C-alpha atoms as a PDB file:
ATOM      1  CA  UNK A   1      98.784 184.313 -23.431  1.00  0.00           C
ATOM      2  CA  UNK A   2     100.937 186.988 -25.120  1.00  0.00           C
ATOM      3  CA  UNK A   3     102.164 184.377 -27.663  1.00  0.00           C
ATOM      4  CA  UNK A   4      98.568 183.499 -28.450  1.00  0.00           C
ATOM      5  CA  UNK A   5      97.736 187.205 -28.978  1.00  0.00           C
ATOM      6  CA  UNK A   6     100.693 187.567 -31.283  1.00  0.00           C
ATOM      7  CA  UNK A   7      99.802 184.493 -33.341  1.00  0.00           C
ATOM      8  CA  UNK A   8      96.182 185.582 -33.674  1.00  0.00           C
ATOM      9  CA  UNK A   9      97.208 189.164 -34.616  1.00  0.00           C
ATOM     10  CA  UNK A  10      99.521 187.817 -37.303  1.00  0.00           C
ATOM     11  CA  UNK A  11      96.703 185.547 -38.607  1.00  0.00           C
ATOM     12  CA  UNK A  12      94.428 188.649 -38.751  1.00  0.00           C
ATOM     13  CA  UNK A  13      97.024 190.647 -40.580  1.00  0.00           C
ATOM     14  CA  UNK A  14      97.408 187.841 -43.163  1.00  0.00           C
ATOM     15  CA  UNK A  15      93.646 187.264 -43.552  1.00  0.00           C
ATOM     16  CA  UNK A  16      91.883 190.567 -43.519  1.00  0.00           C
ATOM     17  CA  UNK A  17      93.539 192.170 -46.631  1.00  0.00           C
ATOM     18  CA  UNK A  18      92.486 189.035 -48.624  1.00  0.00           C
ATOM     19  CA  UNK A  19      89.014 188.788 -47.104  1.00  0.00           C
ATOM     20  CA  UNK A  20      88.166 192.368 -47.940  1.00  0.00           C
ATOM     21  CA  UNK A  21      89.957 192.493 -51.301  1.00  0.00           C
ATOM     22  CA  UNK A  22      92.442 195.158 -50.180  1.00  0.00           C
ATOM     23  CA  UNK A  23      95.180 193.752 -52.330  1.00  0.00           C
ATOM     24  CA  UNK A  24      95.595 194.097 -56.087  1.00  0.00           C
ATOM     25  CA  UNK A  25      93.707 191.517 -58.043  1.00  0.00           C
ATOM     26  CA  UNK A  26      96.774 189.860 -59.617  1.00  0.00           C
ATOM     27  CA  UNK A  27      95.632 186.684 -61.326  1.00  0.00           C
ATOM     28  CA  UNK A  28      98.032 183.816 -62.188  1.00  0.00           C
ATOM     29  CA  UNK A  29      97.997 182.839 -64.982  1.00  0.00           C
ATOM     30  CA  UNK A  30      96.436 185.894 -66.448  1.00  0.00           C
ATOM     31  CA  UNK A  31      93.826 186.930 -67.371  1.00  0.00           C
ATOM     32  CA  UNK A  32      91.439 184.751 -65.469  1.00  0.00           C
ATOM     33  CA  UNK A  33      93.617 182.523 -63.301  1.00  0.00           C
ATOM     34  CA  UNK A  34      93.564 182.078 -59.513  1.00  0.00           C
ATOM     35  CA  UNK A  35      93.944 185.151 -57.244  1.00  0.00           C
ATOM     36  CA  UNK A  36      97.580 185.448 -56.217  1.00  0.00           C
ATOM     37  CA  UNK A  37      96.986 187.162 -52.801  1.00  0.00           C
ATOM     38  CA  UNK A  38      95.930 183.981 -50.960  1.00  0.00           C
ATOM     39  CA  UNK A  39      99.055 182.184 -52.152  1.00  0.00           C
ATOM     40  CA  UNK A  40     101.247 185.061 -51.105  1.00  0.00           C
ATOM     41  CA  UNK A  41      99.583 185.168 -47.614  1.00  0.00           C
ATOM     42  CA  UNK A  42      99.980 181.348 -47.386  1.00  0.00           C
ATOM     43  CA  UNK A  43     103.660 181.581 -48.345  1.00  0.00           C
ATOM     44  CA  UNK A  44     104.153 184.323 -45.740  1.00  0.00           C
ATOM     45  CA  UNK A  45     102.248 182.373 -43.076  1.00  0.00           C
ATOM     46  CA  UNK A  46     104.094 179.188 -43.807  1.00  0.00           C
ATOM     47  CA  UNK A  47     107.436 180.928 -43.512  1.00  0.00           C
ATOM     48  CA  UNK A  48     106.474 182.805 -40.383  1.00  0.00           C
ATOM     49  CA  UNK A  49     104.958 179.861 -38.473  1.00  0.00           C
ATOM     50  CA  UNK A  50     107.074 177.013 -39.787  1.00  0.00           C
ATOM     51  CA  UNK A  51     110.467 178.656 -40.077  1.00  0.00           C
ATOM     52  CA  UNK A  52     110.888 181.984 -38.463  1.00  0.00           C
ATOM     53  CA  UNK A  53     108.770 181.361 -35.396  1.00  0.00           C
ATOM     54  CA  UNK A  54     107.622 177.725 -35.430  1.00  0.00           C
ATOM     55  CA  UNK A  55     104.110 177.151 -34.085  1.00  0.00           C
ATOM     56  CA  UNK A  56     103.758 173.680 -32.538  1.00  0.00           C
ATOM     57  CA  UNK A  57     101.036 171.441 -33.897  1.00  0.00           C
ATOM     58  CA  UNK A  58     100.215 173.522 -36.932  1.00  0.00           C
ATOM     59  CA  UNK A  59      99.731 170.270 -38.782  1.00  0.00           C
ATOM     60  CA  UNK A  60     101.384 171.071 -42.022  1.00  0.00           C
ATOM     61  CA  UNK A  61     102.362 167.784 -43.703  1.00  0.00           C
ATOM     62  CA  UNK A  62     101.653 166.091 -46.987  1.00  0.00           C
ATOM     63  CA  UNK A  63     101.783 162.571 -45.772  1.00  0.00           C
ATOM     64  CA  UNK A  64      98.154 161.589 -44.860  1.00  0.00           C
ATOM     65  CA  UNK A  65      97.572 157.969 -43.712  1.00  0.00           C
ATOM     66  CA  UNK A  66      94.712 155.799 -44.668  1.00  0.00           C
ATOM     67  CA  UNK A  67      93.099 156.595 -41.325  1.00  0.00           C
ATOM     68  CA  UNK A  68      93.447 160.337 -42.080  1.00  0.00           C
ATOM     69  CA  UNK A  69      91.607 159.951 -45.358  1.00  0.00           C
ATOM     70  CA  UNK A  70      88.854 157.914 -43.716  1.00  0.00           C
ATOM     71  CA  UNK A  71      88.426 160.678 -41.130  1.00  0.00           C
ATOM     72  CA  UNK A  72      88.194 163.242 -43.940  1.00  0.00           C
ATOM     73  CA  UNK A  73      85.577 161.217 -45.823  1.00  0.00           C
ATOM     74  CA  UNK A  74      83.575 160.633 -42.646  1.00  0.00           C
ATOM     75  CA  UNK A  75      83.489 164.384 -41.811  1.00  0.00           C
ATOM     76  CA  UNK A  76      82.567 165.196 -45.460  1.00  0.00           C
ATOM     77  CA  UNK A  77      79.633 162.667 -45.387  1.00  0.00           C
ATOM     78  CA  UNK A  78      78.507 163.993 -41.939  1.00  0.00           C
ATOM     79  CA  UNK A  79      78.488 167.623 -43.182  1.00  0.00           C
ATOM     80  CA  UNK A  80      76.680 166.587 -46.432  1.00  0.00           C
ATOM     81  CA  UNK A  81      73.990 164.779 -44.386  1.00  0.00           C
ATOM     82  CA  UNK A  82      73.359 167.954 -42.281  1.00  0.00           C
ATOM     83  CA  UNK A  83      74.526 170.885 -44.356  1.00  0.00           C
ATOM     84  CA  UNK A  84      73.032 170.064 -47.794  1.00  0.00           C
ATOM     85  CA  UNK A  85      69.415 169.733 -46.494  1.00  0.00           C
ATOM     86  CA  UNK A  86      69.747 172.891 -44.478  1.00  0.00           C
ATOM     87  CA  UNK A  87      71.174 174.744 -47.559  1.00  0.00           C
ATOM     88  CA  UNK A  88      68.360 173.417 -49.796  1.00  0.00           C
ATOM     89  CA  UNK A  89      65.639 174.146 -47.165  1.00  0.00           C
ATOM     90  CA  UNK A  90      66.812 177.698 -46.656  1.00  0.00           C
ATOM     91  CA  UNK A  91      66.975 178.324 -50.384  1.00  0.00           C
ATOM     92  CA  UNK A  92      70.725 179.100 -50.202  1.00  0.00           C
ATOM     93  CA  UNK A  93      71.563 176.011 -52.303  1.00  0.00           C
ATOM     94  CA  UNK A  94      69.861 174.588 -55.323  1.00  0.00           C
ATOM     95  CA  UNK A  95      70.304 171.151 -56.807  1.00  0.00           C
ATOM     96  CA  UNK A  96      72.176 171.713 -60.057  1.00  0.00           C
ATOM     97  CA  UNK A  97      74.453 168.830 -61.222  1.00  0.00           C
ATOM     98  CA  UNK A  98      77.105 169.894 -63.778  1.00  0.00           C
ATOM     99  CA  UNK A  99      79.537 167.109 -64.156  1.00  0.00           C
ATOM    100  CA  UNK A 100      82.096 167.725 -66.854  1.00  0.00           C
ATOM    101  CA  UNK A 101      85.835 166.913 -67.312  1.00  0.00           C
ATOM    102  CA  UNK A 102      87.074 170.118 -65.600  1.00  0.00           C
ATOM    103  CA  UNK A 103      84.777 169.832 -62.598  1.00  0.00           C
ATOM    104  CA  UNK A 104      85.542 166.088 -62.235  1.00  0.00           C
ATOM    105  CA  UNK A 105      89.227 166.115 -62.664  1.00  0.00           C
ATOM    106  CA  UNK A 106      90.768 169.556 -62.215  1.00  0.00           C
ATOM    107  CA  UNK A 107      88.392 171.200 -59.736  1.00  0.00           C
ATOM    108  CA  UNK A 108      89.195 169.057 -56.653  1.00  0.00           C
ATOM    109  CA  UNK A 109      92.918 169.697 -57.026  1.00  0.00           C
ATOM    110  CA  UNK A 110      92.480 173.481 -57.646  1.00  0.00           C
ATOM    111  CA  UNK A 111      90.099 173.728 -54.734  1.00  0.00           C
ATOM    112  CA  UNK A 112      92.508 171.926 -52.446  1.00  0.00           C
ATOM    113  CA  UNK A 113      95.454 174.164 -53.359  1.00  0.00           C
ATOM    114  CA  UNK A 114      93.639 177.491 -53.780  1.00  0.00           C
ATOM    115  CA  UNK A 115      91.093 177.290 -51.006  1.00  0.00           C
ATOM    116  CA  UNK A 116      91.543 174.259 -48.739  1.00  0.00           C
ATOM    117  CA  UNK A 117      95.185 174.595 -47.738  1.00  0.00           C
ATOM    118  CA  UNK A 118      95.277 178.381 -47.308  1.00  0.00           C
ATOM    119  CA  UNK A 119      91.993 178.546 -45.244  1.00  0.00           C
ATOM    120  CA  UNK A 120      92.745 175.498 -43.180  1.00  0.00           C
ATOM    121  CA  UNK A 121      96.238 176.805 -42.420  1.00  0.00           C
ATOM    122  CA  UNK A 122      94.665 180.012 -41.144  1.00  0.00           C
ATOM    123  CA  UNK A 123      91.465 178.828 -39.391  1.00  0.00           C
ATOM    124  CA  UNK A 124      92.657 175.530 -38.068  1.00  0.00           C
ATOM    125  CA  UNK A 125      96.521 175.562 -38.032  1.00  0.00           C
ATOM    126  CA  UNK A 126      96.671 179.075 -36.591  1.00  0.00           C
ATOM    127  CA  UNK A 127      93.369 180.170 -35.055  1.00  0.00           C
ATOM    128  CA  UNK A 128      91.959 176.850 -33.685  1.00  0.00           C
ATOM    129  CA  UNK A 129      95.440 175.631 -32.752  1.00  0.00           C
ATOM    130  CA  UNK A 130      96.219 178.865 -30.811  1.00  0.00           C
ATOM    131  CA  UNK A 131      92.767 179.030 -29.096  1.00  0.00           C
ATOM    132  CA  UNK A 132      93.171 175.402 -27.953  1.00  0.00           C
ATOM    133  CA  UNK A 133      96.099 176.607 -25.804  1.00  0.00           C
ATOM    134  CA  UNK A 134      93.972 179.318 -24.164  1.00  0.00           C
ATOM    135  CA  UNK A 135      90.381 177.954 -24.034  1.00  0.00           C
ATOM    136  CA  UNK A 136      90.787 174.235 -24.582  1.00  0.00           C
ATOM    137  CA  UNK A 137      87.916 172.336 -26.157  1.00  0.00           C
ATOM    138  CA  UNK A 138      85.895 175.548 -26.718  1.00  0.00           C
ATOM    139  CA  UNK A 139      88.407 176.318 -29.482  1.00  0.00           C
ATOM    140  CA  UNK A 140      86.543 174.125 -31.988  1.00  0.00           C
ATOM    141  CA  UNK A 141      83.171 175.863 -31.745  1.00  0.00           C
ATOM    142  CA  UNK A 142      84.796 179.325 -31.467  1.00  0.00           C
ATOM    143  CA  UNK A 143      87.098 178.790 -34.500  1.00  0.00           C
ATOM    144  CA  UNK A 144      84.081 177.373 -36.407  1.00  0.00           C
ATOM    145  CA  UNK A 145      82.022 180.521 -35.617  1.00  0.00           C
ATOM    146  CA  UNK A 146      84.919 182.755 -36.715  1.00  0.00           C
ATOM    147  CA  UNK A 147      85.167 180.743 -39.944  1.00  0.00           C
ATOM    148  CA  UNK A 148      81.430 181.111 -40.414  1.00  0.00           C
ATOM    149  CA  UNK A 149      81.546 184.876 -39.897  1.00  0.00           C
ATOM    150  CA  UNK A 150      84.181 185.129 -42.604  1.00  0.00           C
ATOM    151  CA  UNK A 151      81.397 184.203 -45.020  1.00  0.00           C
ATOM    152  CA  UNK A 152      79.189 187.277 -44.224  1.00  0.00           C
ATOM    153  CA  UNK A 153      76.961 188.993 -45.242  1.00  0.00           C
ATOM    154  CA  UNK A 154      74.445 186.149 -46.051  1.00  0.00           C
ATOM    155  CA  UNK A 155      73.352 184.545 -42.706  1.00  0.00           C
ATOM    156  CA  UNK A 156      72.535 181.264 -44.493  1.00  0.00           C
ATOM    157  CA  UNK A 157      76.122 181.032 -45.781  1.00  0.00           C
ATOM    158  CA  UNK A 158      77.372 181.889 -42.321  1.00  0.00           C
ATOM    159  CA  UNK A 159      75.321 178.985 -40.915  1.00  0.00           C
ATOM    160  CA  UNK A 160      76.557 176.514 -43.490  1.00  0.00           C
ATOM    161  CA  UNK A 161      80.205 177.680 -43.166  1.00  0.00           C
ATOM    162  CA  UNK A 162      80.024 177.366 -39.430  1.00  0.00           C
ATOM    163  CA  UNK A 163      78.777 173.800 -39.767  1.00  0.00           C
ATOM    164  CA  UNK A 164      81.483 173.085 -42.321  1.00  0.00           C
ATOM    165  CA  UNK A 165      83.974 174.672 -39.901  1.00  0.00           C
ATOM    166  CA  UNK A 166      82.856 172.184 -37.175  1.00  0.00           C
ATOM    167  CA  UNK A 167      83.630 169.307 -39.614  1.00  0.00           C
ATOM    168  CA  UNK A 168      86.947 170.722 -40.667  1.00  0.00           C
ATOM    169  CA  UNK A 169      87.906 171.539 -37.108  1.00  0.00           C
ATOM    170  CA  UNK A 170      86.989 168.086 -35.885  1.00  0.00           C
ATOM    171  CA  UNK A 171      89.175 166.550 -38.645  1.00  0.00           C
ATOM    172  CA  UNK A 172      92.058 168.793 -37.525  1.00  0.00           C
ATOM    173  CA  UNK A 173      91.406 167.888 -33.885  1.00  0.00           C
ATOM    174  CA  UNK A 174      91.424 164.129 -34.637  1.00  0.00           C
ATOM    175  CA  UNK A 175      94.375 164.074 -37.095  1.00  0.00           C
ATOM    176  CA  UNK A 176      96.401 167.215 -36.020  1.00  0.00           C
ATOM    177  CA  UNK A 177      96.971 167.825 -39.834  1.00  0.00           C
ATOM    178  CA  UNK A 178      95.669 170.845 -41.653  1.00  0.00           C
ATOM    179  CA  UNK A 179      96.375 169.089 -44.950  1.00  0.00           C
ATOM    180  CA  UNK A 180      93.751 166.500 -43.932  1.00  0.00           C
ATOM    181  CA  UNK A 181      91.196 169.128 -42.901  1.00  0.00           C
ATOM    182  CA  UNK A 182      92.031 170.698 -46.274  1.00  0.00           C
ATOM    183  CA  UNK A 183      91.077 167.477 -48.009  1.00  0.00           C
ATOM    184  CA  UNK A 184      87.711 167.614 -46.191  1.00  0.00           C
ATOM    185  CA  UNK A 185      87.296 171.279 -47.176  1.00  0.00           C
ATOM    186  CA  UNK A 186      88.071 170.520 -50.784  1.00  0.00           C
ATOM    187  CA  UNK A 187      85.697 167.547 -50.870  1.00  0.00           C
ATOM    188  CA  UNK A 188      82.836 169.751 -49.515  1.00  0.00           C
ATOM    189  CA  UNK A 189      83.527 172.528 -51.934  1.00  0.00           C
ATOM    190  CA  UNK A 190      83.931 170.045 -54.817  1.00  0.00           C
ATOM    191  CA  UNK A 191      80.512 168.603 -53.970  1.00  0.00           C
ATOM    192  CA  UNK A 192      79.128 172.122 -54.127  1.00  0.00           C
ATOM    193  CA  UNK A 193      80.795 172.868 -57.515  1.00  0.00           C
ATOM    194  CA  UNK A 194      79.765 169.557 -58.936  1.00  0.00           C
ATOM    195  CA  UNK A 195      76.197 169.194 -57.816  1.00  0.00           C
ATOM    196  CA  UNK A 196      74.850 172.435 -56.246  1.00  0.00           C
ATOM    197  CA  UNK A 197      74.477 176.119 -56.885  1.00  0.00           C
ATOM    198  CA  UNK A 198      74.387 178.782 -54.223  1.00  0.00           C
END
């Protein structure tokens, strides 16, 4: 249990300054590029949990199989069938298709690198993985709720993020690869950027 507490404490130290914008707003490339803080936290987390103090089953690999991609697509479709109607019904989401070259070609890669990998490393590779050792199968719903609460203050967003967290957590549970749950995360966010507004 002390190891689990240390891992969760380290995850919180990496996450909270980013979540609450406590770090300088350095953007790369300037002036309007991506926020650099999540990448710095990801680099620190990767070094800490893959090199300095390796955490078993963090799932960091860039070699997804065909099965992995099918699992990611299945989870994305399942979330879309449940989450999009809830988002539209609550008024949190609006149908607003905006396909253009940037949203079609660049957005999925940028979302994967800037949001999917850092968040999945934190919430699935560190938090869910560590909770599994302490509370077993309850780790999936607990990590999903934590992920949802990270999207406060709008309760509708918390609900949708929790449901998305279940999808991402299930993918991680099935594949043991955060890079595959990050694909699912990127597909969900890409769908939002391409077709919805919220």
